[in-house]
Amino acid sequence: MDNLLLLNIGYSDLNADWNWKDVYSPFARLYYVKAGTARTYIRDKMYKLEPGYIYLTPPFSLHNDECDSRFSLYYIHFYEKSIQKESLFDKYDFPVQIKATPLDLQLIKRLYTINPDRYLVNIDPKSYDNAPTFSRYIADSNKSPYHVSVETQSILAVLISRFLEFRVKKTIDKDARINKSLQYIHENINRDISNTELAALACVSEDHFIRLFKKEMQQPPAKYINMKKIEKAQLLLLTSDAKIRDISMDLSIDNVSYFDELFKKYTGKTPKEYRKEYNSTA
């Protein structure tokens, strides 16, 4: 897992001021609670955050955070560089909460010690989920001595491996032909993927493939492909200064007006509005 990039690590001692609505980020979050309690709602399910546990919020998970008392936690934000590679979060479902071990806390403290300047100045998600701030994170990461970078990635890998122990393959109950097509989609999301080539990959007729995909995924192939393209576009809008037209072309969407329309359908904003909203908070 040498594609994990640390964005932030810090410790916050809060007093009922960890309340955020509709957080939707391309970055993953890990929390270790030291004291107090809070709540996070992921896909409308409530999870109580309490001491002695580690919590994982996957990327692209719409969630709300609530806290009405004292609350202390270590937080880790990281980014999986999965360009042209199937993401861990595409392949597996992970538990949100696992029981922490004494070693987990030691590793988190060590990660904090070797990355002393990676804490958040402002804990409002909109202040750090944006392109300028991300660029600073990358610059900070590139400045790290090689031995620190290696140790940082190793600690992140160990912490994620704790959740990997309880992973469930998203396609475990799905038809093998659909599993194969999903991997192909994830690894070729920058291409113009047709039902014809997916059906050929599955060795069935196009009509049969579409019916099979809808049965297994509760949506047609084109809708799933578009959703994954828009997730990739969101990541690029926040992590690069690439022009919107270039992002559209890189995702093999040649009609930029259609790209704008599609992006708004999935996010509620046009690409320009999306980038402007987040960048204006930096």
C-alpha atoms as a PDB file:
ATOM      1  CA  MET A   1       0.000   0.000   0.000  1.00  0.00           C
ATOM      2  CA  ASP A   2       2.677   2.455  -1.061  1.00  0.00           C
ATOM      3  CA  ASN A   3       0.026   4.641  -2.712  1.00  0.00           C
ATOM      4  CA  LEU A   4      -1.282   6.082   0.570  1.00  0.00           C
ATOM      5  CA  LEU A   5      -0.481   9.774   1.025  1.00  0.00           C
ATOM      6  CA  LEU A   6      -0.826  11.473   4.399  1.00  0.00           C
ATOM      7  CA  LEU A   7      -2.651  14.784   4.240  1.00  0.00           C
ATOM      8  CA  ASN A   8      -3.169  15.664   7.899  1.00  0.00           C
ATOM      9  CA  ILE A   9      -2.560  14.337  11.349  1.00  0.00           C
ATOM     10  CA  GLY A  10      -3.349  16.230  14.505  1.00  0.00           C
ATOM     11  CA  TYR A  11      -4.921  16.204  17.928  1.00  0.00           C
ATOM     12  CA  SER A  12      -7.961  18.281  18.835  1.00  0.00           C
ATOM     13  CA  ASP A  13      -9.482  18.947  22.247  1.00  0.00           C
ATOM     14  CA  LEU A  14     -12.931  20.286  21.424  1.00  0.00           C
ATOM     15  CA  ASN A  15     -15.885  21.635  23.341  1.00  0.00           C
ATOM     16  CA  ALA A  16     -19.112  20.983  21.422  1.00  0.00           C
ATOM     17  CA  ASP A  17     -17.571  22.555  18.311  1.00  0.00           C
ATOM     18  CA  TRP A  18     -17.250  19.505  16.054  1.00  0.00           C
ATOM     19  CA  ASN A  19     -20.488  19.904  14.127  1.00  0.00           C
ATOM     20  CA  TRP A  20     -20.469  19.627  10.330  1.00  0.00           C
ATOM     21  CA  LYS A  21     -23.246  18.986   7.848  1.00  0.00           C
ATOM     22  CA  ASP A  22     -23.127  17.264   4.452  1.00  0.00           C
ATOM     23  CA  VAL A  23     -19.390  16.573   4.392  1.00  0.00           C
ATOM     24  CA  TYR A  24     -18.545  14.856   1.101  1.00  0.00           C
ATOM     25  CA  SER A  25     -14.850  14.495   0.477  1.00  0.00           C
ATOM     26  CA  PRO A  26     -12.574  12.529  -1.870  1.00  0.00           C
ATOM     27  CA  PHE A  27     -10.268  11.892   1.087  1.00  0.00           C
ATOM     28  CA  ALA A  28     -10.496   9.196   3.763  1.00  0.00           C
ATOM     29  CA  ARG A  29     -10.530   9.925   7.498  1.00  0.00           C
ATOM     30  CA  LEU A  30      -9.299   7.962  10.521  1.00  0.00           C
ATOM     31  CA  TYR A  31     -10.180   8.985  14.087  1.00  0.00           C
ATOM     32  CA  TYR A  32      -8.908   7.731  17.431  1.00  0.00           C
ATOM     33  CA  VAL A  33     -11.052   9.037  20.282  1.00  0.00           C
ATOM     34  CA  LYS A  34      -9.211   9.879  23.500  1.00  0.00           C
ATOM     35  CA  ALA A  35     -12.037  11.310  25.613  1.00  0.00           C
ATOM     36  CA  GLY A  36     -15.680  12.284  25.387  1.00  0.00           C
ATOM     37  CA  THR A  37     -18.187  11.199  22.775  1.00  0.00           C
ATOM     38  CA  ALA A  38     -19.552  12.428  19.467  1.00  0.00           C
ATOM     39  CA  ARG A  39     -21.676  11.078  16.639  1.00  0.00           C
ATOM     40  CA  THR A  40     -21.174  10.651  12.940  1.00  0.00           C
ATOM     41  CA  TYR A  41     -23.905   9.789  10.458  1.00  0.00           C
ATOM     42  CA  ILE A  42     -22.746   7.909   7.366  1.00  0.00           C
ATOM     43  CA  ARG A  43     -25.399   7.119   4.750  1.00  0.00           C
ATOM     44  CA  ASP A  44     -28.086   7.883   7.346  1.00  0.00           C
ATOM     45  CA  LYS A  45     -26.686   5.419   9.899  1.00  0.00           C
ATOM     46  CA  MET A  46     -25.532   6.812  13.239  1.00  0.00           C
ATOM     47  CA  TYR A  47     -22.218   5.747  14.796  1.00  0.00           C
ATOM     48  CA  LYS A  48     -21.265   6.779  18.300  1.00  0.00           C
ATOM     49  CA  LEU A  49     -17.642   7.859  18.581  1.00  0.00           C
ATOM     50  CA  GLU A  50     -16.201   6.879  21.933  1.00  0.00           C
ATOM     51  CA  PRO A  51     -12.806   6.290  23.581  1.00  0.00           C
ATOM     52  CA  GLY A  52     -10.809   3.178  22.794  1.00  0.00           C
ATOM     53  CA  TYR A  53     -11.903   2.790  19.186  1.00  0.00           C
ATOM     54  CA  ILE A  54     -10.610   3.725  15.739  1.00  0.00           C
ATOM     55  CA  TYR A  55     -13.080   4.997  13.148  1.00  0.00           C
ATOM     56  CA  LEU A  56     -12.798   5.023   9.367  1.00  0.00           C
ATOM     57  CA  THR A  57     -14.796   7.248   7.023  1.00  0.00           C
ATOM     58  CA  PRO A  58     -14.201   6.169   3.414  1.00  0.00           C
ATOM     59  CA  PRO A  59     -13.797   8.751   0.644  1.00  0.00           C
ATOM     60  CA  PHE A  60     -16.954   9.914  -1.130  1.00  0.00           C
ATOM     61  CA  SER A  61     -19.076   9.103   1.924  1.00  0.00           C
ATOM     62  CA  LEU A  62     -21.682  11.759   2.634  1.00  0.00           C
ATOM     63  CA  HIS A  63     -21.676  12.250   6.395  1.00  0.00           C
ATOM     64  CA  ASN A  64     -22.665  14.573   9.239  1.00  0.00           C
ATOM     65  CA  ASP A  65     -20.760  15.058  12.491  1.00  0.00           C
ATOM     66  CA  GLU A  66     -22.297  16.089  15.797  1.00  0.00           C
ATOM     67  CA  CYS A  67     -20.809  16.863  19.191  1.00  0.00           C
ATOM     68  CA  ASP A  68     -22.518  18.531  22.175  1.00  0.00           C
ATOM     69  CA  SER A  69     -19.855  18.183  24.883  1.00  0.00           C
ATOM     70  CA  ARG A  70     -16.089  17.920  25.407  1.00  0.00           C
ATOM     71  CA  PHE A  71     -14.488  15.674  22.809  1.00  0.00           C
ATOM     72  CA  SER A  72     -10.813  14.854  22.188  1.00  0.00           C
ATOM     73  CA  LEU A  73      -9.447  12.898  19.260  1.00  0.00           C
ATOM     74  CA  TYR A  74      -6.517  12.214  16.987  1.00  0.00           C
ATOM     75  CA  TYR A  75      -7.467  12.677  13.337  1.00  0.00           C
ATOM     76  CA  ILE A  76      -5.745  11.377  10.223  1.00  0.00           C
ATOM     77  CA  HIS A  77      -6.705  12.353   6.684  1.00  0.00           C
ATOM     78  CA  PHE A  78      -5.194  10.455   3.798  1.00  0.00           C
ATOM     79  CA  TYR A  79      -5.499  10.125   0.057  1.00  0.00           C
ATOM     80  CA  GLU A  80      -5.238   6.945  -1.987  1.00  0.00           C
ATOM     81  CA  LYS A  81      -3.403   7.596  -5.243  1.00  0.00           C
ATOM     82  CA  SER A  82      -5.332   5.077  -7.314  1.00  0.00           C
ATOM     83  CA  ILE A  83      -5.013   6.585 -10.788  1.00  0.00           C
ATOM     84  CA  GLN A  84      -5.574   3.778 -13.312  1.00  0.00           C
ATOM     85  CA  LYS A  85      -5.795   1.332 -10.447  1.00  0.00           C
ATOM     86  CA  GLU A  86      -8.750  -0.135  -8.612  1.00  0.00           C
ATOM     87  CA  SER A  87      -9.114   1.608  -5.262  1.00  0.00           C
ATOM     88  CA  LEU A  88      -9.324  -0.288  -1.972  1.00  0.00           C
ATOM     89  CA  PHE A  89     -12.604   1.491  -1.411  1.00  0.00           C
ATOM     90  CA  ASP A  90     -13.929   0.339  -4.785  1.00  0.00           C
ATOM     91  CA  LYS A  91     -13.090  -3.258  -3.945  1.00  0.00           C
ATOM     92  CA  TYR A  92     -14.101  -3.553  -0.293  1.00  0.00           C
ATOM     93  CA  ASP A  93     -16.583  -2.455   2.333  1.00  0.00           C
ATOM     94  CA  PHE A  94     -14.942  -1.700   5.677  1.00  0.00           C
ATOM     95  CA  PRO A  95     -16.335  -1.464   9.193  1.00  0.00           C
ATOM     96  CA  VAL A  96     -16.643   2.093  10.456  1.00  0.00           C
ATOM     97  CA  GLN A  97     -15.550   1.163  13.992  1.00  0.00           C
ATOM     98  CA  ILE A  98     -12.973  -1.288  15.343  1.00  0.00           C
ATOM     99  CA  LYS A  99     -11.593  -1.775  18.835  1.00  0.00           C
ATOM    100  CA  ALA A 100      -8.198  -0.101  19.184  1.00  0.00           C
ATOM    101  CA  THR A 101      -5.135  -1.825  20.592  1.00  0.00           C
ATOM    102  CA  PRO A 102      -2.349  -0.198  22.637  1.00  0.00           C
ATOM    103  CA  LEU A 103      -0.119  -0.523  19.555  1.00  0.00           C
ATOM    104  CA  ASP A 104      -2.608   1.451  17.456  1.00  0.00           C
ATOM    105  CA  LEU A 105      -2.312   4.416  19.789  1.00  0.00           C
ATOM    106  CA  GLN A 106       1.496   4.141  19.840  1.00  0.00           C
ATOM    107  CA  LEU A 107       1.558   4.144  16.027  1.00  0.00           C
ATOM    108  CA  ILE A 108      -0.754   7.163  15.831  1.00  0.00           C
ATOM    109  CA  LYS A 109       1.380   9.067  18.330  1.00  0.00           C
ATOM    110  CA  ARG A 110       4.489   8.150  16.364  1.00  0.00           C
ATOM    111  CA  LEU A 111       2.856   9.331  13.129  1.00  0.00           C
ATOM    112  CA  TYR A 112       2.005  12.603  14.870  1.00  0.00           C
ATOM    113  CA  THR A 113       5.562  12.972  16.182  1.00  0.00           C
ATOM    114  CA  ILE A 114       7.271  12.538  12.804  1.00  0.00           C
ATOM    115  CA  ASN A 115       4.747  14.831  11.048  1.00  0.00           C
ATOM    116  CA  PRO A 116       4.503  17.718  13.528  1.00  0.00           C
ATOM    117  CA  ASP A 117       3.364  20.376  11.029  1.00  0.00           C
ATOM    118  CA  ARG A 118       0.550  18.446   9.342  1.00  0.00           C
ATOM    119  CA  TYR A 119      -2.240  19.451  11.737  1.00  0.00           C
ATOM    120  CA  LEU A 120      -5.291  21.449  10.645  1.00  0.00           C
ATOM    121  CA  VAL A 121      -5.255  25.157  11.390  1.00  0.00           C
ATOM    122  CA  ASN A 122      -9.012  25.270  10.811  1.00  0.00           C
ATOM    123  CA  ILE A 123     -11.104  22.153  11.461  1.00  0.00           C
ATOM    124  CA  ASP A 124     -13.974  23.218   9.185  1.00  0.00           C
ATOM    125  CA  PRO A 125     -13.903  20.630   6.317  1.00  0.00           C
ATOM    126  CA  LYS A 126     -14.452  23.314   3.692  1.00  0.00           C
ATOM    127  CA  SER A 127     -11.235  24.979   4.770  1.00  0.00           C
ATOM    128  CA  TYR A 128      -9.099  22.017   3.770  1.00  0.00           C
ATOM    129  CA  ASP A 129     -11.045  20.086   1.086  1.00  0.00           C
ATOM    130  CA  ASN A 130      -9.864  22.349  -1.728  1.00  0.00           C
ATOM    131  CA  ALA A 131      -7.180  22.542  -4.396  1.00  0.00           C
ATOM    132  CA  PRO A 132      -4.907  25.245  -2.879  1.00  0.00           C
ATOM    133  CA  THR A 133      -4.792  23.492   0.500  1.00  0.00           C
ATOM    134  CA  PHE A 134      -4.228  20.118  -1.117  1.00  0.00           C
ATOM    135  CA  SER A 135      -1.325  21.596  -3.081  1.00  0.00           C
ATOM    136  CA  ARG A 136       0.240  22.699   0.202  1.00  0.00           C
ATOM    137  CA  TYR A 137      -0.175  19.199   1.605  1.00  0.00           C
ATOM    138  CA  ILE A 138       1.590  17.732  -1.426  1.00  0.00           C
ATOM    139  CA  ALA A 139       4.389  20.286  -1.090  1.00  0.00           C
ATOM    140  CA  ASP A 140       4.758  19.414   2.613  1.00  0.00           C
ATOM    141  CA  SER A 141       4.825  15.723   1.771  1.00  0.00           C
ATOM    142  CA  ASN A 142       7.506  16.247  -0.867  1.00  0.00           C
ATOM    143  CA  LYS A 143       9.645  18.130   1.649  1.00  0.00           C
ATOM    144  CA  SER A 144       9.648  15.217   4.081  1.00  0.00           C
ATOM    145  CA  PRO A 145      12.957  13.357   4.388  1.00  0.00           C
ATOM    146  CA  TYR A 146      12.882  10.020   2.636  1.00  0.00           C
ATOM    147  CA  HIS A 147      13.038   8.014   5.867  1.00  0.00           C
ATOM    148  CA  VAL A 148      10.059   9.972   7.253  1.00  0.00           C
ATOM    149  CA  SER A 149       8.035   9.340   4.093  1.00  0.00           C
ATOM    150  CA  VAL A 150       8.764   5.621   4.264  1.00  0.00           C
ATOM    151  CA  GLU A 151       7.842   5.407   7.942  1.00  0.00           C
ATOM    152  CA  THR A 152       4.698   7.490   7.389  1.00  0.00           C
ATOM    153  CA  GLN A 153       3.462   5.222   4.602  1.00  0.00           C
ATOM    154  CA  SER A 154       4.306   2.146   6.665  1.00  0.00           C
ATOM    155  CA  ILE A 155       2.317   3.360   9.674  1.00  0.00           C
ATOM    156  CA  LEU A 156      -0.651   4.278   7.479  1.00  0.00           C
ATOM    157  CA  ALA A 157      -0.516   0.813   5.905  1.00  0.00           C
ATOM    158  CA  VAL A 158      -0.500  -0.864   9.322  1.00  0.00           C
ATOM    159  CA  LEU A 159      -3.452   1.209  10.541  1.00  0.00           C
ATOM    160  CA  ILE A 160      -5.450   0.460   7.387  1.00  0.00           C
ATOM    161  CA  SER A 161      -4.525  -3.214   7.683  1.00  0.00           C
ATOM    162  CA  ARG A 162      -6.487  -3.279  10.949  1.00  0.00           C
ATOM    163  CA  PHE A 163      -9.609  -2.520   8.935  1.00  0.00           C
ATOM    164  CA  LEU A 164      -8.573  -4.831   6.095  1.00  0.00           C
ATOM    165  CA  GLU A 165      -8.838  -7.711   8.561  1.00  0.00           C
ATOM    166  CA  PHE A 166     -12.608  -7.173   8.620  1.00  0.00           C
ATOM    167  CA  ARG A 167     -13.097  -6.193   4.992  1.00  0.00           C
ATOM    168  CA  VAL A 168     -15.932  -7.585   2.912  1.00  0.00           C
ATOM    169  CA  LYS A 169     -15.479  -7.749  -0.829  1.00  0.00           C
ATOM    170  CA  LYS A 170     -18.150  -5.607  -2.436  1.00  0.00           C
ATOM    171  CA  THR A 171     -18.592  -8.173  -5.179  1.00  0.00           C
ATOM    172  CA  ILE A 172     -18.604 -11.272  -2.962  1.00  0.00           C
ATOM    173  CA  ASP A 173     -22.237 -12.092  -3.769  1.00  0.00           C
ATOM    174  CA  LYS A 174     -22.105 -10.898  -7.361  1.00  0.00           C
ATOM    175  CA  ASP A 175     -21.795 -12.781 -10.605  1.00  0.00           C
ATOM    176  CA  ALA A 176     -18.144 -13.357 -11.585  1.00  0.00           C
ATOM    177  CA  ARG A 177     -18.805 -11.705 -14.943  1.00  0.00           C
ATOM    178  CA  ILE A 178     -19.948  -8.524 -13.189  1.00  0.00           C
ATOM    179  CA  ASN A 179     -16.927  -8.630 -10.879  1.00  0.00           C
ATOM    180  CA  LYS A 180     -14.685  -8.700 -13.919  1.00  0.00           C
ATOM    181  CA  SER A 181     -16.523  -5.795 -15.560  1.00  0.00           C
ATOM    182  CA  LEU A 182     -16.366  -3.692 -12.375  1.00  0.00           C
ATOM    183  CA  GLN A 183     -12.611  -4.089 -12.134  1.00  0.00           C
ATOM    184  CA  TYR A 184     -12.310  -3.155 -15.794  1.00  0.00           C
ATOM    185  CA  ILE A 185     -14.432  -0.026 -15.237  1.00  0.00           C
ATOM    186  CA  HIS A 186     -12.395   1.048 -12.207  1.00  0.00           C
ATOM    187  CA  GLU A 187      -9.096   0.618 -14.023  1.00  0.00           C
ATOM    188  CA  ASN A 188     -10.227   2.296 -17.264  1.00  0.00           C
ATOM    189  CA  ILE A 189     -12.469   5.074 -15.991  1.00  0.00           C
ATOM    190  CA  ASN A 190     -10.628   7.615 -18.137  1.00  0.00           C
ATOM    191  CA  ARG A 191     -11.769   5.782 -21.285  1.00  0.00           C
ATOM    192  CA  ASP A 192     -15.082   5.830 -23.122  1.00  0.00           C
ATOM    193  CA  ILE A 193     -16.351   2.448 -21.916  1.00  0.00           C
ATOM    194  CA  SER A 194     -19.185   0.937 -23.917  1.00  0.00           C
ATOM    195  CA  ASN A 195     -21.727  -1.743 -23.032  1.00  0.00           C
ATOM    196  CA  THR A 196     -20.509  -3.620 -26.104  1.00  0.00           C
ATOM    197  CA  GLU A 197     -16.955  -4.058 -24.815  1.00  0.00           C
ATOM    198  CA  LEU A 198     -18.172  -4.903 -21.295  1.00  0.00           C
ATOM    199  CA  ALA A 199     -20.509  -7.537 -22.714  1.00  0.00           C
ATOM    200  CA  ALA A 200     -17.638  -8.981 -24.772  1.00  0.00           C
ATOM    201  CA  LEU A 201     -15.510  -9.084 -21.620  1.00  0.00           C
ATOM    202  CA  ALA A 202     -18.296 -11.010 -19.883  1.00  0.00           C
ATOM    203  CA  CYS A 203     -18.813 -13.271 -22.927  1.00  0.00           C
ATOM    204  CA  VAL A 204     -22.553 -12.565 -23.145  1.00  0.00           C
ATOM    205  CA  SER A 205     -24.795 -10.546 -25.434  1.00  0.00           C
ATOM    206  CA  GLU A 206     -25.098  -6.823 -24.795  1.00  0.00           C
ATOM    207  CA  ASP A 207     -28.768  -7.041 -23.785  1.00  0.00           C
ATOM    208  CA  HIS A 208     -28.055  -9.904 -21.408  1.00  0.00           C
ATOM    209  CA  PHE A 209     -25.115  -8.043 -19.882  1.00  0.00           C
ATOM    210  CA  ILE A 210     -27.200  -4.921 -19.214  1.00  0.00           C
ATOM    211  CA  ARG A 211     -29.907  -7.013 -17.522  1.00  0.00           C
ATOM    212  CA  LEU A 212     -27.298  -8.864 -15.474  1.00  0.00           C
ATOM    213  CA  PHE A 213     -25.539  -5.642 -14.426  1.00  0.00           C
ATOM    214  CA  LYS A 214     -28.816  -3.992 -13.379  1.00  0.00           C
ATOM    215  CA  LYS A 215     -29.739  -7.072 -11.332  1.00  0.00           C
ATOM    216  CA  GLU A 216     -26.386  -7.124  -9.517  1.00  0.00           C
ATOM    217  CA  MET A 217     -25.759  -3.379  -9.149  1.00  0.00           C
ATOM    218  CA  GLN A 218     -29.328  -1.968  -9.036  1.00  0.00           C
ATOM    219  CA  GLN A 219     -28.422   0.447 -11.806  1.00  0.00           C
ATOM    220  CA  PRO A 220     -27.498   0.220 -15.503  1.00  0.00           C
ATOM    221  CA  PRO A 221     -23.809   0.132 -16.511  1.00  0.00           C
ATOM    222  CA  ALA A 222     -23.849   3.652 -17.988  1.00  0.00           C
ATOM    223  CA  LYS A 223     -25.132   5.169 -14.745  1.00  0.00           C
ATOM    224  CA  TYR A 224     -22.449   3.396 -12.685  1.00  0.00           C
ATOM    225  CA  ILE A 225     -19.712   4.447 -15.112  1.00  0.00           C
ATOM    226  CA  ASN A 226     -20.877   8.068 -15.001  1.00  0.00           C
ATOM    227  CA  MET A 227     -20.922   8.018 -11.193  1.00  0.00           C
ATOM    228  CA  LYS A 228     -17.314   6.803 -11.079  1.00  0.00           C
ATOM    229  CA  LYS A 229     -16.267   9.403 -13.673  1.00  0.00           C
ATOM    230  CA  ILE A 230     -17.799  12.195 -11.579  1.00  0.00           C
ATOM    231  CA  GLU A 231     -16.041  10.920  -8.445  1.00  0.00           C
ATOM    232  CA  LYS A 232     -12.760  11.070 -10.373  1.00  0.00           C
ATOM    233  CA  ALA A 233     -13.652  14.570 -11.603  1.00  0.00           C
ATOM    234  CA  GLN A 234     -14.312  15.746  -8.035  1.00  0.00           C
ATOM    235  CA  LEU A 235     -10.918  14.478  -6.964  1.00  0.00           C
ATOM    236  CA  LEU A 236      -9.195  16.218  -9.879  1.00  0.00           C
ATOM    237  CA  LEU A 237     -11.045  19.493  -9.232  1.00  0.00           C
ATOM    238  CA  LEU A 238      -9.820  19.513  -5.638  1.00  0.00           C
ATOM    239  CA  THR A 239      -6.339  18.117  -6.134  1.00  0.00           C
ATOM    240  CA  SER A 240      -5.207  19.858  -9.310  1.00  0.00           C
ATOM    241  CA  ASP A 241      -5.491  23.136 -11.155  1.00  0.00           C
ATOM    242  CA  ALA A 242      -6.395  21.394 -14.422  1.00  0.00           C
ATOM    243  CA  LYS A 243      -8.919  23.230 -16.561  1.00  0.00           C
ATOM    244  CA  ILE A 244     -12.476  21.910 -16.453  1.00  0.00           C
ATOM    245  CA  ARG A 245     -12.390  21.260 -20.192  1.00  0.00           C
ATOM    246  CA  ASP A 246      -9.182  19.221 -19.781  1.00  0.00           C
ATOM    247  CA  ILE A 247     -10.691  17.177 -16.940  1.00  0.00           C
ATOM    248  CA  SER A 248     -13.716  16.464 -19.100  1.00  0.00           C
ATOM    249  CA  MET A 249     -11.510  15.370 -22.001  1.00  0.00           C
ATOM    250  CA  ASP A 250      -9.294  13.276 -19.716  1.00  0.00           C
ATOM    251  CA  LEU A 251     -12.413  11.352 -18.714  1.00  0.00           C
ATOM    252  CA  SER A 252     -13.353  10.873 -22.400  1.00  0.00           C
ATOM    253  CA  ILE A 253     -16.356  13.199 -22.122  1.00  0.00           C
ATOM    254  CA  ASP A 254     -15.831  15.286 -25.241  1.00  0.00           C
ATOM    255  CA  ASN A 255     -18.908  17.489 -24.797  1.00  0.00           C
ATOM    256  CA  VAL A 256     -18.076  19.907 -21.971  1.00  0.00           C
ATOM    257  CA  SER A 257     -21.694  21.083 -21.686  1.00  0.00           C
ATOM    258  CA  TYR A 258     -22.747  17.490 -21.124  1.00  0.00           C
ATOM    259  CA  PHE A 259     -19.960  17.114 -18.551  1.00  0.00           C
ATOM    260  CA  ASP A 260     -21.305  20.179 -16.704  1.00  0.00           C
ATOM    261  CA  GLU A 261     -24.823  18.745 -16.802  1.00  0.00           C
ATOM    262  CA  LEU A 262     -23.685  15.318 -15.632  1.00  0.00           C
ATOM    263  CA  PHE A 263     -21.549  16.753 -12.823  1.00  0.00           C
ATOM    264  CA  LYS A 264     -24.449  18.850 -11.556  1.00  0.00           C
ATOM    265  CA  LYS A 265     -26.760  15.840 -11.657  1.00  0.00           C
ATOM    266  CA  TYR A 266     -24.515  13.943  -9.230  1.00  0.00           C
ATOM    267  CA  THR A 267     -23.237  16.789  -7.006  1.00  0.00           C
ATOM    268  CA  GLY A 268     -25.855  19.529  -7.248  1.00  0.00           C
ATOM    269  CA  LYS A 269     -23.261  21.969  -8.610  1.00  0.00           C
ATOM    270  CA  THR A 270     -21.491  22.583 -11.894  1.00  0.00           C
ATOM    271  CA  PRO A 271     -17.733  21.862 -11.923  1.00  0.00           C
ATOM    272  CA  LYS A 272     -17.053  25.613 -11.842  1.00  0.00           C
ATOM    273  CA  GLU A 273     -19.382  26.143  -8.871  1.00  0.00           C
ATOM    274  CA  TYR A 274     -17.906  23.126  -7.089  1.00  0.00           C
ATOM    275  CA  ARG A 275     -14.313  24.320  -7.454  1.00  0.00           C
ATOM    276  CA  LYS A 276     -15.210  27.938  -6.616  1.00  0.00           C
ATOM    277  CA  GLU A 277     -17.092  26.982  -3.445  1.00  0.00           C
ATOM    278  CA  TYR A 278     -14.236  24.962  -2.031  1.00  0.00           C
ATOM    279  CA  ASN A 279     -11.431  27.214  -3.217  1.00  0.00           C
ATOM    280  CA  SER A 280     -13.112  30.297  -1.767  1.00  0.00           C
ATOM    281  CA  THR A 281     -12.733  28.842   1.728  1.00  0.00           C
ATOM    282  CA  ALA A 282      -8.977  28.359   1.456  1.00  0.00           C
END
